[in-house]
Amino acid sequence: MKLLFDQNLSFKLCGRLADLFPGSSHVRLLELHQADDRAIWIREG
């Protein structure tokens, strides 16, 4: 399972949890930090 971390959580979680959740990312790393929730769901869903 991969996770997508919200802007309210540190982007450093991706690295810290990579062994448990490979492929996870953060909205900041995907340049979605300015997007609203609906846009994120549409893109990542």
C-alpha atoms as a PDB file:
ATOM      1  CA  MET A   1       0.000   0.000   0.000  1.00  0.00           C
ATOM      2  CA  LYS A   2       1.298   3.440  -0.826  1.00  0.00           C
ATOM      3  CA  LEU A   3       0.272   6.599   0.967  1.00  0.00           C
ATOM      4  CA  LEU A   4      -0.142  10.206  -0.078  1.00  0.00           C
ATOM      5  CA  PHE A   5       0.710  12.578   2.768  1.00  0.00           C
ATOM      6  CA  ASP A   6      -1.210  15.815   3.126  1.00  0.00           C
ATOM      7  CA  GLN A   7       0.487  19.211   3.385  1.00  0.00           C
ATOM      8  CA  ASN A   8      -0.270  19.212   7.119  1.00  0.00           C
ATOM      9  CA  LEU A   9       2.195  16.343   7.586  1.00  0.00           C
ATOM     10  CA  SER A  10       5.938  16.501   7.096  1.00  0.00           C
ATOM     11  CA  PHE A  11       7.265  15.408   3.707  1.00  0.00           C
ATOM     12  CA  LYS A  12      10.029  13.645   5.660  1.00  0.00           C
ATOM     13  CA  LEU A  13       7.545  10.914   6.540  1.00  0.00           C
ATOM     14  CA  CYS A  14       7.979   9.490   3.039  1.00  0.00           C
ATOM     15  CA  GLY A  15      11.585   8.621   3.744  1.00  0.00           C
ATOM     16  CA  ARG A  16      10.968   7.444   7.280  1.00  0.00           C
ATOM     17  CA  LEU A  17       8.172   5.088   6.276  1.00  0.00           C
ATOM     18  CA  ALA A  18       9.578   3.969   2.908  1.00  0.00           C
ATOM     19  CA  ASP A  19      10.343   0.448   4.136  1.00  0.00           C
ATOM     20  CA  LEU A  20       6.750  -0.045   5.339  1.00  0.00           C
ATOM     21  CA  PHE A  21       4.966   1.875   2.569  1.00  0.00           C
ATOM     22  CA  PRO A  22       7.126   1.891  -0.577  1.00  0.00           C
ATOM     23  CA  GLY A  23       6.002   4.275  -3.289  1.00  0.00           C
ATOM     24  CA  SER A  24       4.406   6.719  -0.876  1.00  0.00           C
ATOM     25  CA  SER A  25       4.652  10.414  -1.589  1.00  0.00           C
ATOM     26  CA  HIS A  26       3.733  13.857  -0.332  1.00  0.00           C
ATOM     27  CA  VAL A  27       1.633  16.529  -2.032  1.00  0.00           C
ATOM     28  CA  ARG A  28       4.641  18.869  -1.887  1.00  0.00           C
ATOM     29  CA  LEU A  29       6.842  16.411  -3.774  1.00  0.00           C
ATOM     30  CA  LEU A  30       4.145  16.007  -6.425  1.00  0.00           C
ATOM     31  CA  GLU A  31       3.714  19.787  -6.715  1.00  0.00           C
ATOM     32  CA  LEU A  32       0.134  19.477  -5.485  1.00  0.00           C
ATOM     33  CA  HIS A  33       0.591  21.543  -2.318  1.00  0.00           C
ATOM     34  CA  GLN A  34      -1.578  24.357  -3.737  1.00  0.00           C
ATOM     35  CA  ALA A  35      -4.273  22.027  -5.082  1.00  0.00           C
ATOM     36  CA  ASP A  36      -7.572  21.522  -3.334  1.00  0.00           C
ATOM     37  CA  ASP A  37      -8.599  18.096  -2.048  1.00  0.00           C
ATOM     38  CA  ARG A  38     -10.849  17.347  -4.994  1.00  0.00           C
ATOM     39  CA  ALA A  39      -8.068  17.978  -7.519  1.00  0.00           C
ATOM     40  CA  ILE A  40      -5.762  15.662  -5.579  1.00  0.00           C
ATOM     41  CA  TRP A  41      -8.376  12.894  -5.455  1.00  0.00           C
ATOM     42  CA  ILE A  42      -9.010  13.185  -9.187  1.00  0.00           C
ATOM     43  CA  ARG A  43      -5.314  13.058 -10.057  1.00  0.00           C
ATOM     44  CA  GLU A  44      -4.312  10.325  -7.616  1.00  0.00           C
ATOM     45  CA  GLY A  45      -7.553   8.318  -7.607  1.00  0.00           C
END
